[in-house]
Amino acid sequence: MPGGYEWLIIIAVLLLLFGAKKLPEMARSVGQSARVFKGEMKGLKDDDARTRQAEEPKSAQELPAAAPAPQQTAPAPQQSAPAPQQASQQPPAQATDRPAGPTA
């Protein structure tokens, strides 16, 4: 950060470059820009806060709509023996003397 003498040199250079008439206009412009920037930043923070508040009720509404916890019921009686599986009812493949392939 510049010290006391350095600020004097910077101000003197600015006066030489831009003149005494332009410096107040530039200072006003910088001040207005800073105010606009500050306002926009505050607007962004407010928008973020509104977005968070809007999301919270949605998630609170979704919670009751969730599926209820399953109730415990008595276990189903187990079968003593598993049911036998049936064999497939497809006929066995037949062997032929003809070669496989397109027929003419």
N, C-alpha and C. Protein backbone atom coordinates (compact mmCIF):
# COMPACT_ATOMS: atom_id res chain seq x y z
N MET A 1 0.85 -1.16 0.00
CA MET A 1 0.00 0.00 0.00
C MET A 1 0.90 1.23 0.00
N PRO A 2 0.58 2.20 -0.83
CA PRO A 2 1.42 3.39 -0.90
C PRO A 2 1.37 4.21 0.39
N GLY A 3 2.51 4.84 0.72
CA GLY A 3 2.60 5.69 1.91
C GLY A 3 2.22 7.12 1.58
N GLY A 4 2.53 8.07 2.48
CA GLY A 4 2.14 9.47 2.32
C GLY A 4 2.75 10.14 1.10
N TYR A 5 4.07 10.04 0.94
CA TYR A 5 4.73 10.69 -0.22
C TYR A 5 4.34 10.02 -1.54
N GLU A 6 4.12 8.73 -1.48
CA GLU A 6 3.75 8.03 -2.71
C GLU A 6 2.38 8.48 -3.20
N TRP A 7 1.44 8.73 -2.26
CA TRP A 7 0.13 9.23 -2.65
C TRP A 7 0.24 10.61 -3.30
N LEU A 8 1.11 11.43 -2.75
CA LEU A 8 1.29 12.77 -3.35
C LEU A 8 1.82 12.67 -4.78
N ILE A 9 2.73 11.76 -5.01
CA ILE A 9 3.28 11.58 -6.36
C ILE A 9 2.19 11.06 -7.30
N ILE A 10 1.39 10.11 -6.83
CA ILE A 10 0.31 9.55 -7.66
C ILE A 10 -0.70 10.64 -8.02
N ILE A 11 -1.08 11.47 -7.04
CA ILE A 11 -2.04 12.54 -7.31
C ILE A 11 -1.46 13.56 -8.29
N ALA A 12 -0.17 13.89 -8.13
CA ALA A 12 0.47 14.84 -9.04
C ALA A 12 0.49 14.30 -10.47
N VAL A 13 0.78 13.04 -10.63
CA VAL A 13 0.80 12.43 -11.97
C VAL A 13 -0.60 12.44 -12.56
N LEU A 14 -1.62 12.12 -11.76
CA LEU A 14 -2.99 12.14 -12.26
C LEU A 14 -3.40 13.55 -12.68
N LEU A 15 -3.02 14.54 -11.90
CA LEU A 15 -3.34 15.92 -12.28
C LEU A 15 -2.68 16.31 -13.59
N LEU A 16 -1.44 15.90 -13.79
CA LEU A 16 -0.74 16.21 -15.03
C LEU A 16 -1.37 15.49 -16.22
N LEU A 17 -1.75 14.24 -16.02
CA LEU A 17 -2.30 13.46 -17.13
C LEU A 17 -3.71 13.89 -17.51
N PHE A 18 -4.58 14.05 -16.52
CA PHE A 18 -5.99 14.28 -16.83
C PHE A 18 -6.44 15.72 -16.63
N GLY A 19 -5.74 16.49 -15.90
CA GLY A 19 -6.15 17.88 -15.66
C GLY A 19 -7.08 17.99 -14.47
N ALA A 20 -7.19 19.18 -13.94
CA ALA A 20 -7.99 19.41 -12.74
C ALA A 20 -9.48 19.29 -13.02
N LYS A 21 -9.93 19.55 -14.24
CA LYS A 21 -11.36 19.48 -14.55
C LYS A 21 -11.87 18.05 -14.64
N LYS A 22 -11.05 17.15 -15.11
CA LYS A 22 -11.48 15.77 -15.32
C LYS A 22 -11.48 14.94 -14.04
N LEU A 23 -10.64 15.25 -13.09
CA LEU A 23 -10.53 14.43 -11.88
C LEU A 23 -11.83 14.37 -11.08
N PRO A 24 -12.56 15.45 -10.82
CA PRO A 24 -13.83 15.33 -10.08
C PRO A 24 -14.85 14.48 -10.83
N GLU A 25 -14.89 14.62 -12.15
CA GLU A 25 -15.82 13.80 -12.94
C GLU A 25 -15.47 12.32 -12.83
N MET A 26 -14.18 12.02 -12.88
CA MET A 26 -13.75 10.63 -12.75
C MET A 26 -14.07 10.08 -11.36
N ALA A 27 -13.88 10.91 -10.33
CA ALA A 27 -14.19 10.48 -8.96
C ALA A 27 -15.68 10.19 -8.81
N ARG A 28 -16.53 11.05 -9.39
CA ARG A 28 -17.97 10.81 -9.34
C ARG A 28 -18.33 9.51 -10.05
N SER A 29 -17.73 9.31 -11.20
CA SER A 29 -18.00 8.10 -11.98
C SER A 29 -17.60 6.85 -11.21
N VAL A 30 -16.44 6.90 -10.57
CA VAL A 30 -15.99 5.75 -9.77
C VAL A 30 -16.94 5.52 -8.60
N GLY A 31 -17.39 6.62 -7.95
CA GLY A 31 -18.33 6.49 -6.83
C GLY A 31 -19.65 5.88 -7.27
N GLN A 32 -20.16 6.34 -8.42
CA GLN A 32 -21.41 5.77 -8.92
C GLN A 32 -21.25 4.29 -9.27
N SER A 33 -20.13 3.96 -9.87
CA SER A 33 -19.88 2.56 -10.23
C SER A 33 -19.81 1.70 -8.97
N ALA A 34 -19.17 2.22 -7.92
CA ALA A 34 -19.07 1.47 -6.67
C ALA A 34 -20.45 1.27 -6.05
N ARG A 35 -21.31 2.30 -6.10
CA ARG A 35 -22.67 2.16 -5.56
C ARG A 35 -23.48 1.13 -6.34
N VAL A 36 -23.37 1.17 -7.67
CA VAL A 36 -24.10 0.21 -8.51
C VAL A 36 -23.61 -1.21 -8.20
N PHE A 37 -22.31 -1.36 -8.10
CA PHE A 37 -21.74 -2.68 -7.80
C PHE A 37 -22.24 -3.19 -6.45
N LYS A 38 -22.23 -2.30 -5.44
CA LYS A 38 -22.69 -2.68 -4.11
C LYS A 38 -24.16 -3.10 -4.15
N GLY A 39 -24.98 -2.34 -4.87
CA GLY A 39 -26.40 -2.67 -4.99
C GLY A 39 -26.62 -4.01 -5.67
N GLU A 40 -25.87 -4.28 -6.71
CA GLU A 40 -26.00 -5.56 -7.41
C GLU A 40 -25.59 -6.72 -6.52
N MET A 41 -24.54 -6.54 -5.75
CA MET A 41 -24.09 -7.60 -4.84
C MET A 41 -25.15 -7.87 -3.78
N LYS A 42 -25.78 -6.80 -3.26
CA LYS A 42 -26.84 -6.98 -2.27
C LYS A 42 -28.03 -7.69 -2.91
N GLY A 43 -28.34 -7.33 -4.16
CA GLY A 43 -29.43 -7.99 -4.88
C GLY A 43 -29.17 -9.47 -5.07
N LEU A 44 -27.94 -9.82 -5.37
CA LEU A 44 -27.59 -11.24 -5.53
C LEU A 44 -27.76 -11.99 -4.22
N LYS A 45 -27.33 -11.37 -3.12
CA LYS A 45 -27.48 -12.02 -1.81
C LYS A 45 -28.96 -12.20 -1.48
N ASP A 46 -29.78 -11.18 -1.77
CA ASP A 46 -31.21 -11.29 -1.52
C ASP A 46 -31.85 -12.38 -2.37
N ASP A 47 -31.43 -12.48 -3.64
CA ASP A 47 -31.95 -13.53 -4.52
C ASP A 47 -31.59 -14.91 -3.99
N ASP A 48 -30.35 -15.06 -3.51
CA ASP A 48 -29.93 -16.34 -2.96
C ASP A 48 -30.77 -16.71 -1.73
N ALA A 49 -31.02 -15.72 -0.89
CA ALA A 49 -31.82 -15.97 0.31
C ALA A 49 -33.25 -16.36 -0.07
N ARG A 50 -33.82 -15.67 -1.06
CA ARG A 50 -35.18 -16.01 -1.51
C ARG A 50 -35.22 -17.41 -2.10
N THR A 51 -34.20 -17.77 -2.86
CA THR A 51 -34.16 -19.09 -3.47
C THR A 51 -34.10 -20.17 -2.39
N ARG A 52 -33.28 -19.95 -1.38
CA ARG A 52 -33.18 -20.93 -0.29
C ARG A 52 -34.50 -21.05 0.44
N GLN A 53 -35.17 -19.92 0.69
CA GLN A 53 -36.45 -19.97 1.38
C GLN A 53 -37.50 -20.67 0.55
N ALA A 54 -37.44 -20.49 -0.76
CA ALA A 54 -38.41 -21.14 -1.64
C ALA A 54 -38.17 -22.65 -1.71
N GLU A 55 -36.93 -23.07 -1.61
CA GLU A 55 -36.61 -24.50 -1.67
C GLU A 55 -36.97 -25.21 -0.38
N GLU A 56 -36.84 -24.56 0.76
CA GLU A 56 -37.11 -25.19 2.04
C GLU A 56 -38.56 -25.66 2.17
N PRO A 57 -39.57 -24.86 1.84
CA PRO A 57 -40.95 -25.36 1.94
C PRO A 57 -41.22 -26.53 1.00
N LYS A 58 -40.60 -26.52 -0.17
CA LYS A 58 -40.80 -27.63 -1.10
C LYS A 58 -40.29 -28.92 -0.48
N SER A 59 -39.10 -28.89 0.11
CA SER A 59 -38.55 -30.10 0.70
C SER A 59 -39.36 -30.49 1.93
N ALA A 60 -39.91 -29.53 2.66
CA ALA A 60 -40.74 -29.85 3.83
C ALA A 60 -42.05 -30.49 3.38
N GLN A 61 -42.59 -30.07 2.24
CA GLN A 61 -43.82 -30.66 1.73
C GLN A 61 -43.57 -32.06 1.21
N GLU A 62 -42.41 -32.31 0.68
CA GLU A 62 -42.11 -33.62 0.13
C GLU A 62 -41.93 -34.67 1.22
N LEU A 63 -41.48 -34.28 2.39
CA LEU A 63 -41.23 -35.24 3.46
C LEU A 63 -42.49 -35.99 3.87
N PRO A 64 -43.63 -35.35 4.14
CA PRO A 64 -44.82 -36.13 4.50
C PRO A 64 -45.32 -37.00 3.36
N ALA A 65 -45.06 -36.63 2.14
CA ALA A 65 -45.52 -37.40 0.99
C ALA A 65 -44.68 -38.65 0.77
N ALA A 66 -43.59 -38.79 1.50
CA ALA A 66 -42.73 -39.96 1.32
C ALA A 66 -43.48 -41.21 1.77
N ALA A 67 -43.06 -42.34 1.27
CA ALA A 67 -43.70 -43.61 1.59
C ALA A 67 -43.58 -43.88 3.09
N PRO A 68 -44.67 -44.33 3.73
CA PRO A 68 -44.61 -44.61 5.16
C PRO A 68 -43.72 -45.82 5.41
N ALA A 69 -43.22 -45.89 6.62
CA ALA A 69 -42.35 -47.01 6.99
C ALA A 69 -43.17 -48.29 6.97
N PRO A 70 -42.59 -49.38 6.50
CA PRO A 70 -43.34 -50.64 6.45
C PRO A 70 -43.67 -51.11 7.86
N GLN A 71 -44.88 -51.62 8.02
CA GLN A 71 -45.30 -52.12 9.32
C GLN A 71 -44.84 -53.55 9.46
N GLN A 72 -44.49 -53.91 10.68
CA GLN A 72 -44.04 -55.27 10.91
C GLN A 72 -45.26 -56.18 10.99
N THR A 73 -45.20 -57.30 10.27
CA THR A 73 -46.28 -58.28 10.28
C THR A 73 -45.69 -59.61 10.67
N ALA A 74 -46.55 -60.51 10.97
CA ALA A 74 -46.10 -61.85 11.35
C ALA A 74 -45.46 -62.50 10.14
N PRO A 75 -44.36 -63.24 10.34
CA PRO A 75 -43.72 -63.88 9.19
C PRO A 75 -44.63 -64.93 8.57
N ALA A 76 -44.53 -65.05 7.27
CA ALA A 76 -45.34 -66.02 6.53
C ALA A 76 -44.88 -67.44 6.88
N PRO A 77 -45.81 -68.38 6.96
CA PRO A 77 -45.41 -69.77 7.28
C PRO A 77 -44.55 -70.33 6.15
N GLN A 78 -43.53 -71.05 6.52
CA GLN A 78 -42.63 -71.62 5.52
C GLN A 78 -43.15 -72.98 5.07
N GLN A 79 -42.92 -73.25 3.80
CA GLN A 79 -43.33 -74.55 3.28
C GLN A 79 -42.32 -75.59 3.72
N SER A 80 -42.81 -76.80 3.99
CA SER A 80 -41.91 -77.85 4.48
C SER A 80 -40.99 -78.37 3.39
N ALA A 81 -41.48 -78.48 2.18
CA ALA A 81 -40.63 -78.96 1.08
C ALA A 81 -40.84 -78.07 -0.13
N PRO A 82 -39.76 -77.77 -0.85
CA PRO A 82 -39.94 -76.94 -2.03
C PRO A 82 -40.70 -77.69 -3.11
N ALA A 83 -41.45 -76.96 -3.90
CA ALA A 83 -42.23 -77.56 -4.97
C ALA A 83 -41.26 -78.07 -6.05
N PRO A 84 -41.51 -79.26 -6.59
CA PRO A 84 -40.62 -79.78 -7.63
C PRO A 84 -40.77 -78.97 -8.91
N GLN A 85 -39.66 -78.74 -9.56
CA GLN A 85 -39.69 -77.98 -10.80
C GLN A 85 -39.98 -78.92 -11.95
N GLN A 86 -40.79 -78.47 -12.84
CA GLN A 86 -41.14 -79.29 -13.99
C GLN A 86 -40.09 -79.14 -15.07
N ALA A 87 -39.81 -80.25 -15.75
CA ALA A 87 -38.86 -80.22 -16.86
C ALA A 87 -39.53 -79.53 -18.04
N SER A 88 -38.72 -78.93 -18.90
CA SER A 88 -39.28 -78.24 -20.05
C SER A 88 -39.96 -79.24 -20.98
N GLN A 89 -41.01 -78.81 -21.60
CA GLN A 89 -41.83 -79.70 -22.44
C GLN A 89 -41.43 -79.61 -23.90
N GLN A 90 -40.23 -79.14 -24.22
CA GLN A 90 -39.80 -79.05 -25.61
C GLN A 90 -39.32 -80.43 -26.08
N PRO A 91 -39.65 -80.78 -27.35
CA PRO A 91 -39.19 -82.08 -27.87
C PRO A 91 -37.67 -82.03 -28.07
N PRO A 92 -37.03 -83.16 -27.95
CA PRO A 92 -35.58 -83.21 -28.15
C PRO A 92 -35.23 -82.89 -29.60
N ALA A 93 -34.03 -82.36 -29.81
CA ALA A 93 -33.59 -82.02 -31.16
C ALA A 93 -33.37 -83.29 -31.95
N GLN A 94 -33.76 -83.24 -33.22
CA GLN A 94 -33.62 -84.42 -34.07
C GLN A 94 -32.38 -84.28 -34.94
N ALA A 95 -31.66 -85.38 -35.07
CA ALA A 95 -30.47 -85.39 -35.92
C ALA A 95 -30.91 -85.70 -37.35
N THR A 96 -30.28 -85.01 -38.32
CA THR A 96 -30.59 -85.26 -39.72
C THR A 96 -29.29 -85.50 -40.46
N ASP A 97 -29.41 -86.14 -41.63
CA ASP A 97 -28.24 -86.41 -42.45
C ASP A 97 -27.90 -85.24 -43.36
N ARG A 98 -28.78 -84.27 -43.44
CA ARG A 98 -28.53 -83.13 -44.31
C ARG A 98 -27.62 -82.13 -43.62
N PRO A 99 -26.71 -81.49 -44.39
CA PRO A 99 -25.88 -80.46 -43.79
C PRO A 99 -26.70 -79.20 -43.55
N ALA A 100 -26.33 -78.47 -42.53
CA ALA A 100 -27.05 -77.25 -42.23
C ALA A 100 -26.65 -76.17 -43.24
N GLY A 101 -27.56 -75.35 -43.59
CA GLY A 101 -27.25 -74.28 -44.53
C GLY A 101 -28.43 -74.01 -45.42
N PRO A 102 -28.27 -73.09 -46.35
CA PRO A 102 -29.39 -72.75 -47.23
C PRO A 102 -29.68 -73.89 -48.21
N THR A 103 -30.91 -74.04 -48.45
CA THR A 103 -31.34 -75.08 -49.41
C THR A 103 -31.77 -74.41 -50.71
N ALA A 104 -31.46 -75.05 -51.81
CA ALA A 104 -31.79 -74.47 -53.10
C ALA A 104 -32.95 -75.16 -53.74
